Structures are given as structure tokens and as C-alpha cells.
PDB file of N, CA and C in Angstrom:
ATOM      1  N   MET A   1     -35.008  10.109  12.221  1.00  0.00           N
ATOM      2  CA  MET A   1     -34.684  10.115  10.760  1.00  0.00           C
ATOM      3  C   MET A   1     -34.407   8.625  10.388  1.00  0.00           C
ATOM      4  N   SER A   2     -35.032   8.180   9.222  1.00  0.00           N
ATOM      5  CA  SER A   2     -34.840   6.782   8.885  1.00  0.00           C
ATOM      6  C   SER A   2     -33.611   6.739   8.001  1.00  0.00           C
ATOM      7  N   VAL A   3     -33.232   5.521   7.710  1.00  0.00           N
ATOM      8  CA  VAL A   3     -32.027   5.207   6.753  1.00  0.00           C
ATOM      9  C   VAL A   3     -32.483   5.813   5.377  1.00  0.00           C
ATOM     10  N   ALA A   4     -33.681   5.628   4.965  1.00  0.00           N
ATOM     11  CA  ALA A   4     -34.213   6.043   3.574  1.00  0.00           C
ATOM     12  C   ALA A   4     -34.029   7.506   3.453  1.00  0.00           C
ATOM     13  N   ASP A   5     -34.469   8.281   4.501  1.00  0.00           N
ATOM     14  CA  ASP A   5     -34.390   9.760   4.539  1.00  0.00           C
ATOM     15  C   ASP A   5     -32.780  10.078   4.426  1.00  0.00           C
ATOM     16  N   LEU A   6     -31.952   9.529   5.176  1.00  0.00           N
ATOM     17  CA  LEU A   6     -30.586   9.773   5.160  1.00  0.00           C
ATOM     18  C   LEU A   6     -29.991   9.604   3.710  1.00  0.00           C
ATOM     19  N   LEU A   7     -30.405   8.498   3.152  1.00  0.00           N
ATOM     20  CA  LEU A   7     -29.983   8.113   1.838  1.00  0.00           C
ATOM     21  C   LEU A   7     -30.370   9.163   0.834  1.00  0.00           C
ATOM     22  N   LEU A   8     -31.589   9.652   0.914  1.00  0.00           N
ATOM     23  CA  LEU A   8     -32.180  10.670   0.054  1.00  0.00           C
ATOM     24  C   LEU A   8     -31.401  11.903   0.333  1.00  0.00           C
ATOM     25  N   PHE A   9     -31.088  12.342   1.371  1.00  0.00           N
ATOM     26  CA  PHE A   9     -30.417  13.646   1.579  1.00  0.00           C
ATOM     27  C   PHE A   9     -28.946  13.574   1.108  1.00  0.00           C
ATOM     28  N   VAL A  10     -28.302  12.394   1.286  1.00  0.00           N
ATOM     29  CA  VAL A  10     -26.984  12.254   0.725  1.00  0.00           C
ATOM     30  C   VAL A  10     -27.035  12.264  -0.816  1.00  0.00           C
ATOM     31  N   THR A  11     -28.013  11.615  -1.363  1.00  0.00           N
ATOM     32  CA  THR A  11     -28.091  11.693  -2.847  1.00  0.00           C
ATOM     33  C   THR A  11     -28.367  13.020  -3.373  1.00  0.00           C
ATOM     34  N   VAL A  12     -29.193  13.788  -2.847  1.00  0.00           N
ATOM     35  CA  VAL A  12     -29.380  15.205  -3.221  1.00  0.00           C
ATOM     36  C   VAL A  12     -28.146  15.963  -2.970  1.00  0.00           C
ATOM     37  N   PHE A  13     -27.506  15.786  -1.922  1.00  0.00           N
ATOM     38  CA  PHE A  13     -26.177  16.521  -1.635  1.00  0.00           C
ATOM     39  C   PHE A  13     -25.231  16.180  -2.821  1.00  0.00           C
ATOM     40  N   VAL A  14     -25.025  15.062  -3.131  1.00  0.00           N
ATOM     41  CA  VAL A  14     -23.997  14.594  -4.093  1.00  0.00           C
ATOM     42  C   VAL A  14     -24.432  15.137  -5.504  1.00  0.00           C
ATOM     43  N   LEU A  15     -25.688  15.002  -5.845  1.00  0.00           N
ATOM     44  CA  LEU A  15     -26.121  15.704  -7.239  1.00  0.00           C
ATOM     45  C   LEU A  15     -25.890  17.164  -7.218  1.00  0.00           C
ATOM     46  N   ALA A  16     -26.162  17.841  -6.023  1.00  0.00           N
ATOM     47  CA  ALA A  16     -25.995  19.224  -6.024  1.00  0.00           C
ATOM     48  C   ALA A  16     -24.479  19.543  -6.098  1.00  0.00           C
ATOM     49  N   LEU A  17     -23.557  18.711  -5.676  1.00  0.00           N
ATOM     50  CA  LEU A  17     -22.212  18.926  -5.779  1.00  0.00           C
ATOM     51  C   LEU A  17     -21.809  18.954  -7.276  1.00  0.00           C
ATOM     52  N   PHE A  18     -22.266  17.960  -8.002  1.00  0.00           N
ATOM     53  CA  PHE A  18     -21.968  17.809  -9.501  1.00  0.00           C
ATOM     54  C   PHE A  18     -22.568  18.867 -10.217  1.00  0.00           C
ATOM     55  N   VAL A  19     -23.818  19.296 -10.018  1.00  0.00           N
ATOM     56  CA  VAL A  19     -24.439  20.432 -10.781  1.00  0.00           C
ATOM     57  C   VAL A  19     -23.715  21.756 -10.404  1.00  0.00           C
ATOM     58  N   GLY A  20     -23.415  21.979  -9.138  1.00  0.00           N
ATOM     59  CA  GLY A  20     -22.613  23.187  -8.861  1.00  0.00           C
ATOM     60  C   GLY A  20     -21.326  23.287  -9.477  1.00  0.00           C
ATOM     61  N   TYR A  21     -20.603  22.213  -9.609  1.00  0.00           N
ATOM     62  CA  TYR A  21     -19.207  22.128 -10.265  1.00  0.00           C
ATOM     63  C   TYR A  21     -19.410  22.461 -11.771  1.00  0.00           C
ATOM     64  N   GLU A  22     -20.398  21.865 -12.384  1.00  0.00           N
ATOM     65  CA  GLU A  22     -20.690  22.036 -13.828  1.00  0.00           C
ATOM     66  C   GLU A  22     -21.007  23.468 -14.041  1.00  0.00           C
ATOM     67  N   VAL A  23     -21.833  24.090 -13.239  1.00  0.00           N
ATOM     68  CA  VAL A  23     -22.318  25.392 -13.440  1.00  0.00           C
ATOM     69  C   VAL A  23     -21.102  26.409 -13.243  1.00  0.00           C
ATOM     70  N   ILE A  24     -20.313  26.296 -12.137  1.00  0.00           N
ATOM     71  CA  ILE A  24     -19.241  27.225 -11.976  1.00  0.00           C
ATOM     72  C   ILE A  24     -18.261  27.096 -13.068  1.00  0.00           C
ATOM     73  N   THR A  25     -17.904  25.937 -13.460  1.00  0.00           N
ATOM     74  CA  THR A  25     -16.870  25.720 -14.532  1.00  0.00           C
ATOM     75  C   THR A  25     -17.274  26.372 -15.864  1.00  0.00           C
ATOM     76  N   LYS A  26     -18.562  26.480 -16.144  1.00  0.00           N
ATOM     77  CA  LYS A  26     -19.065  27.094 -17.327  1.00  0.00           C
ATOM     78  C   LYS A  26     -19.128  28.537 -17.260  1.00  0.00           C
ATOM     79  N   VAL A  27     -18.892  29.321 -16.161  1.00  0.00           N
ATOM     80  CA  VAL A  27     -18.969  30.721 -16.133  1.00  0.00           C
ATOM     81  C   VAL A  27     -17.715  31.327 -16.694  1.00  0.00           C
ATOM     82  N   PRO A  28     -18.002  32.257 -17.721  1.00  0.00           N
ATOM     83  CA  PRO A  28     -16.831  32.822 -18.331  1.00  0.00           C
ATOM     84  C   PRO A  28     -15.932  33.737 -17.278  1.00  0.00           C
ATOM     85  N   PRO A  29     -14.695  34.010 -17.566  1.00  0.00           N
ATOM     86  CA  PRO A  29     -13.932  34.808 -16.493  1.00  0.00           C
ATOM     87  C   PRO A  29     -14.439  36.147 -16.365  1.00  0.00           C
ATOM     88  N   THR A  30     -15.119  36.829 -17.303  1.00  0.00           N
ATOM     89  CA  THR A  30     -15.659  38.072 -17.057  1.00  0.00           C
ATOM     90  C   THR A  30     -16.767  38.212 -16.074  1.00  0.00           C
ATOM     91  N   LEU A  31     -17.346  37.056 -15.842  1.00  0.00           N
ATOM     92  CA  LEU A  31     -18.536  37.137 -14.814  1.00  0.00           C
ATOM     93  C   LEU A  31     -18.146  36.439 -13.512  1.00  0.00           C
ATOM     94  N   HIS A  32     -16.887  36.229 -13.280  1.00  0.00           N
ATOM     95  CA  HIS A  32     -16.480  35.729 -11.960  1.00  0.00           C
ATOM     96  C   HIS A  32     -16.804  36.778 -10.778  1.00  0.00           C
ATOM     97  N   THR A  33     -16.431  37.935 -11.112  1.00  0.00           N
ATOM     98  CA  THR A  33     -16.663  39.110 -10.077  1.00  0.00           C
ATOM     99  C   THR A  33     -17.969  39.188  -9.620  1.00  0.00           C
ATOM    100  N   PRO A  34     -19.024  39.329 -10.558  1.00  0.00           N
ATOM    101  CA  PRO A  34     -20.379  39.392 -10.148  1.00  0.00           C
ATOM    102  C   PRO A  34     -20.917  38.127  -9.463  1.00  0.00           C
ATOM    103  N   LEU A  35     -20.367  37.000  -9.879  1.00  0.00           N
ATOM    104  CA  LEU A  35     -20.757  35.742  -9.170  1.00  0.00           C
ATOM    105  C   LEU A  35     -20.281  35.688  -7.830  1.00  0.00           C
ATOM    106  N   MET A  36     -18.986  36.156  -7.566  1.00  0.00           N
ATOM    107  CA  MET A  36     -18.483  36.317  -6.179  1.00  0.00           C
ATOM    108  C   MET A  36     -19.288  37.331  -5.356  1.00  0.00           C
ATOM    109  N   SER A  37     -19.750  38.351  -5.910  1.00  0.00           N
ATOM    110  CA  SER A  37     -20.492  39.361  -5.126  1.00  0.00           C
ATOM    111  C   SER A  37     -21.794  38.749  -4.779  1.00  0.00           C
ATOM    112  N   GLY A  38     -22.468  37.940  -5.607  1.00  0.00           N
ATOM    113  CA  GLY A  38     -23.684  37.278  -5.287  1.00  0.00           C
ATOM    114  C   GLY A  38     -23.445  36.327  -4.085  1.00  0.00           C
ATOM    115  N   SER A  39     -22.430  35.570  -4.165  1.00  0.00           N
ATOM    116  CA  SER A  39     -21.984  34.569  -3.297  1.00  0.00           C
ATOM    117  C   SER A  39     -21.770  35.284  -1.865  1.00  0.00           C
ATOM    118  N   ASN A  40     -21.144  36.451  -1.891  1.00  0.00           N
ATOM    119  CA  ASN A  40     -20.891  37.148  -0.624  1.00  0.00           C
ATOM    120  C   ASN A  40     -22.248  37.629  -0.009  1.00  0.00           C
ATOM    121  N   ALA A  41     -23.186  38.057  -0.847  1.00  0.00           N
ATOM    122  CA  ALA A  41     -24.396  38.464  -0.348  1.00  0.00           C
ATOM    123  C   ALA A  41     -25.178  37.245   0.363  1.00  0.00           C
ATOM    124  N   ILE A  42     -25.103  36.208  -0.340  1.00  0.00           N
ATOM    125  CA  ILE A  42     -25.767  34.961   0.202  1.00  0.00           C
ATOM    126  C   ILE A  42     -25.080  34.545   1.599  1.00  0.00           C
ATOM    127  N   SER A  43     -23.820  34.703   1.580  1.00  0.00           N
ATOM    128  CA  SER A  43     -23.021  34.381   2.923  1.00  0.00           C
ATOM    129  C   SER A  43     -23.427  35.274   3.986  1.00  0.00           C
ATOM    130  N   GLY A  44     -23.705  36.672   3.621  1.00  0.00           N
ATOM    131  CA  GLY A  44     -24.104  37.681   4.580  1.00  0.00           C
ATOM    132  C   GLY A  44     -25.519  37.246   5.145  1.00  0.00           C
ATOM    133  N   ILE A  45     -26.406  36.648   4.380  1.00  0.00           N
ATOM    134  CA  ILE A  45     -27.710  36.198   4.883  1.00  0.00           C
ATOM    135  C   ILE A  45     -27.434  34.994   5.782  1.00  0.00           C
ATOM    136  N   THR A  46     -26.431  34.190   5.382  1.00  0.00           N
ATOM    137  CA  THR A  46     -26.125  33.113   6.325  1.00  0.00           C
ATOM    138  C   THR A  46     -25.604  33.540   7.717  1.00  0.00           C
ATOM    139  N   ILE A  47     -24.864  34.558   7.777  1.00  0.00           N
ATOM    140  CA  ILE A  47     -24.373  35.135   8.971  1.00  0.00           C
ATOM    141  C   ILE A  47     -25.619  35.537   9.846  1.00  0.00           C
ATOM    142  N   LEU A  48     -26.551  36.285   9.235  1.00  0.00           N
ATOM    143  CA  LEU A  48     -27.690  36.646   9.914  1.00  0.00           C
ATOM    144  C   LEU A  48     -28.495  35.498  10.480  1.00  0.00           C
ATOM    145  N   GLY A  49     -28.646  34.530   9.732  1.00  0.00           N
ATOM    146  CA  GLY A  49     -29.370  33.248  10.210  1.00  0.00           C
ATOM    147  C   GLY A  49     -28.632  32.591  11.331  1.00  0.00           C
ATOM    148  N   SER A  50     -27.308  32.566  11.268  1.00  0.00           N
ATOM    149  CA  SER A  50     -26.628  31.893  12.273  1.00  0.00           C
ATOM    150  C   SER A  50     -26.501  32.713  13.581  1.00  0.00           C
ATOM    151  N   VAL A  51     -26.569  33.991  13.569  1.00  0.00           N
ATOM    152  CA  VAL A  51     -26.689  34.810  14.669  1.00  0.00           C
ATOM    153  C   VAL A  51     -28.071  34.516  15.321  1.00  0.00           C
ATOM    154  N   VAL A  52     -29.113  34.512  14.520  1.00  0.00           N
ATOM    155  CA  VAL A  52     -30.378  34.202  15.243  1.00  0.00           C
ATOM    156  C   VAL A  52     -30.497  32.825  15.870  1.00  0.00           C
ATOM    157  N   ILE A  53     -29.845  31.838  15.171  1.00  0.00           N
ATOM    158  CA  ILE A  53     -29.833  30.479  15.857  1.00  0.00           C
ATOM    159  C   ILE A  53     -28.940  30.550  17.111  1.00  0.00           C
ATOM    160  N   ALA A  54     -27.806  31.271  17.051  1.00  0.00           N
ATOM    161  CA  ALA A  54     -26.929  31.342  18.174  1.00  0.00           C
ATOM    162  C   ALA A  54     -27.666  31.988  19.318  1.00  0.00           C
ATOM    163  N   GLY A  55     -28.399  33.002  19.112  1.00  0.00           N
ATOM    164  CA  GLY A  55     -29.110  33.669  20.172  1.00  0.00           C
ATOM    165  C   GLY A  55     -30.291  32.939  20.655  1.00  0.00           C
ATOM    166  N   ARG A  56     -30.894  32.064  19.850  1.00  0.00           N
ATOM    167  CA  ARG A  56     -32.012  31.336  20.427  1.00  0.00           C
ATOM    168  C   ARG A  56     -31.614  29.898  20.782  1.00  0.00           C
ATOM    169  N   GLY A  57     -30.385  29.690  20.981  1.00  0.00           N
ATOM    170  CA  GLY A  57     -29.943  28.325  21.340  1.00  0.00           C
ATOM    171  C   GLY A  57     -30.513  27.961  22.732  1.00  0.00           C
ATOM    172  N   GLU A  58     -31.565  26.925  22.661  1.00  0.00           N
ATOM    173  CA  GLU A  58     -32.192  26.360  23.763  1.00  0.00           C
ATOM    174  C   GLU A  58     -31.377  25.586  24.602  1.00  0.00           C
ATOM    175  N   THR A  59     -30.330  25.008  23.978  1.00  0.00           N
ATOM    176  CA  THR A  59     -29.407  24.095  24.724  1.00  0.00           C
ATOM    177  C   THR A  59     -27.955  24.684  24.537  1.00  0.00           C
ATOM    178  N   ALA A  60     -26.999  24.187  25.359  1.00  0.00           N
ATOM    179  CA  ALA A  60     -25.678  24.725  25.173  1.00  0.00           C
ATOM    180  C   ALA A  60     -25.168  24.197  23.864  1.00  0.00           C
ATOM    181  N   LEU A  61     -25.508  23.121  23.431  1.00  0.00           N
ATOM    182  CA  LEU A  61     -25.024  22.561  22.105  1.00  0.00           C
ATOM    183  C   LEU A  61     -25.515  23.432  20.967  1.00  0.00           C
ATOM    184  N   GLY A  62     -26.799  23.765  21.062  1.00  0.00           N
ATOM    185  CA  GLY A  62     -27.392  24.675  19.994  1.00  0.00           C
ATOM    186  C   GLY A  62     -26.747  25.928  19.967  1.00  0.00           C
ATOM    187  N   ALA A  63     -26.533  26.609  21.083  1.00  0.00           N
ATOM    188  CA  ALA A  63     -25.732  27.834  21.117  1.00  0.00           C
ATOM    189  C   ALA A  63     -24.280  27.757  20.518  1.00  0.00           C
ATOM    190  N   LEU A  64     -23.684  26.742  20.972  1.00  0.00           N
ATOM    191  CA  LEU A  64     -22.255  26.411  20.526  1.00  0.00           C
ATOM    192  C   LEU A  64     -22.337  26.285  18.930  1.00  0.00           C
ATOM    193  N   LEU A  65     -23.146  25.464  18.416  1.00  0.00           N
ATOM    194  CA  LEU A  65     -23.210  25.266  16.977  1.00  0.00           C
ATOM    195  C   LEU A  65     -23.591  26.500  16.274  1.00  0.00           C
ATOM    196  N   GLY A  66     -24.410  27.348  16.818  1.00  0.00           N
ATOM    197  CA  GLY A  66     -24.807  28.716  16.309  1.00  0.00           C
ATOM    198  C   GLY A  66     -23.544  29.585  16.243  1.00  0.00           C
ATOM    199  N   VAL A  67     -22.689  29.640  17.272  1.00  0.00           N
ATOM    200  CA  VAL A  67     -21.484  30.394  17.346  1.00  0.00           C
ATOM    201  C   VAL A  67     -20.533  29.893  16.241  1.00  0.00           C
ATOM    202  N   VAL A  68     -20.349  28.657  16.173  1.00  0.00           N
ATOM    203  CA  VAL A  68     -19.436  28.021  15.156  1.00  0.00           C
ATOM    204  C   VAL A  68     -20.021  28.492  13.757  1.00  0.00           C
ATOM    205  N   ALA A  69     -21.282  28.392  13.546  1.00  0.00           N
ATOM    206  CA  ALA A  69     -21.821  28.830  12.147  1.00  0.00           C
ATOM    207  C   ALA A  69     -21.518  30.380  11.961  1.00  0.00           C
ATOM    208  N   VAL A  70     -21.630  31.141  12.976  1.00  0.00           N
ATOM    209  CA  VAL A  70     -21.244  32.555  12.763  1.00  0.00           C
ATOM    210  C   VAL A  70     -19.865  32.733  12.333  1.00  0.00           C
ATOM    211  N   ILE A  71     -18.912  32.006  13.110  1.00  0.00           N
ATOM    212  CA  ILE A  71     -17.477  32.045  12.862  1.00  0.00           C
ATOM    213  C   ILE A  71     -17.206  31.709  11.412  1.00  0.00           C
ATOM    214  N   LEU A  72     -17.678  30.490  11.002  1.00  0.00           N
ATOM    215  CA  LEU A  72     -17.498  29.984   9.564  1.00  0.00           C
ATOM    216  C   LEU A  72     -18.066  30.838   8.542  1.00  0.00           C
ATOM    217  N   ALA A  73     -19.354  31.408   8.717  1.00  0.00           N
ATOM    218  CA  ALA A  73     -19.805  32.259   7.739  1.00  0.00           C
ATOM    219  C   ALA A  73     -19.111  33.478   7.554  1.00  0.00           C
ATOM    220  N   THR A  74     -18.580  34.042   8.780  1.00  0.00           N
ATOM    221  CA  THR A  74     -17.774  35.269   8.762  1.00  0.00           C
ATOM    222  C   THR A  74     -16.518  35.105   7.969  1.00  0.00           C
ATOM    223  N   ILE A  75     -15.797  33.918   8.191  1.00  0.00           N
ATOM    224  CA  ILE A  75     -14.583  33.640   7.412  1.00  0.00           C
ATOM    225  C   ILE A  75     -14.957  33.598   5.961  1.00  0.00           C
ATOM    226  N   ASN A  76     -16.143  33.002   5.610  1.00  0.00           N
ATOM    227  CA  ASN A  76     -16.400  32.918   4.226  1.00  0.00           C
ATOM    228  C   ASN A  76     -16.714  34.188   3.559  1.00  0.00           C
ATOM    229  N   VAL A  77     -17.366  35.115   4.193  1.00  0.00           N
ATOM    230  CA  VAL A  77     -17.654  36.476   3.825  1.00  0.00           C
ATOM    231  C   VAL A  77     -16.299  37.242   3.517  1.00  0.00           C
ATOM    232  N   VAL A  78     -15.381  37.219   4.705  1.00  0.00           N
ATOM    233  CA  VAL A  78     -14.147  37.934   4.560  1.00  0.00           C
ATOM    234  C   VAL A  78     -13.253  37.390   3.453  1.00  0.00           C
ATOM    235  N   GLY A  79     -13.246  36.132   3.355  1.00  0.00           N
ATOM    236  CA  GLY A  79     -12.363  35.548   2.221  1.00  0.00           C
ATOM    237  C   GLY A  79     -12.946  35.896   0.874  1.00  0.00           C
ATOM    238  N   GLY A  80     -14.265  35.959   0.769  1.00  0.00           N
ATOM    239  CA  GLY A  80     -14.876  36.328  -0.465  1.00  0.00           C
ATOM    240  C   GLY A  80     -14.572  37.765  -0.864  1.00  0.00           C
ATOM    241  N   PHE A  81     -14.504  38.690   0.071  1.00  0.00           N
ATOM    242  CA  PHE A  81     -14.194  40.035  -0.256  1.00  0.00           C
ATOM    243  C   PHE A  81     -12.785  40.255  -0.464  1.00  0.00           C
ATOM    244  N   VAL A  82     -11.878  39.470   0.180  1.00  0.00           N
ATOM    245  CA  VAL A  82     -10.467  39.484  -0.214  1.00  0.00           C
ATOM    246  C   VAL A  82     -10.164  38.979  -1.607  1.00  0.00           C
ATOM    247  N   VAL A  83     -10.917  37.982  -1.916  1.00  0.00           N
ATOM    248  CA  VAL A  83     -10.663  37.475  -3.316  1.00  0.00           C
ATOM    249  C   VAL A  83     -11.181  38.323  -4.415  1.00  0.00           C
ATOM    250  N   THR A  84     -12.388  38.917  -4.080  1.00  0.00           N
ATOM    251  CA  THR A  84     -12.983  39.904  -5.008  1.00  0.00           C
ATOM    252  C   THR A  84     -12.277  41.179  -5.089  1.00  0.00           C
TER     253      THR A  84
END
């Protein structure tokens, strides 16, 4: 990966942060529950993807990162259900 690619990725990430913040702050309070439900569904898909990655870990590092992803995504889903 070149420096130009890294700079592009960081730029897109920072712009996504700003856009996400603006979108979320504009959501009226009555729509927060459906928004959280959608976020929980996306996090569930993330769990499935991380389980696949953890199972196919061709190296120990890959498997470890997959397991960490499963743990973090599970915390995200459980926290979302508690808040909702």
C-alpha cells in the first residue's frame, strides 16, 4: 500500500465521520428506535462476517483478529439491544 492510498483511505474515513455525525444529529427523537434496530441488524451481519473470517484464519494472527472482531461485534449488538 502506497502513501497516496493511505492518505486517500484516511480522507474518506474522516469525511465519513463528519457525514455520519451530521446525519445522526438530524434524526428526530421518534426515529431513534428504528435507527437503532437497523444498526443492530447491520451489527449482526458483522458478527456473521467475523465468524467466517475467524474460521478461515490461515494464520494465527488472522484467526486472532477474527475472534477479536467476533467479540467486539457481539458487544456492539448486546449494547444496542440494551439501549433499545
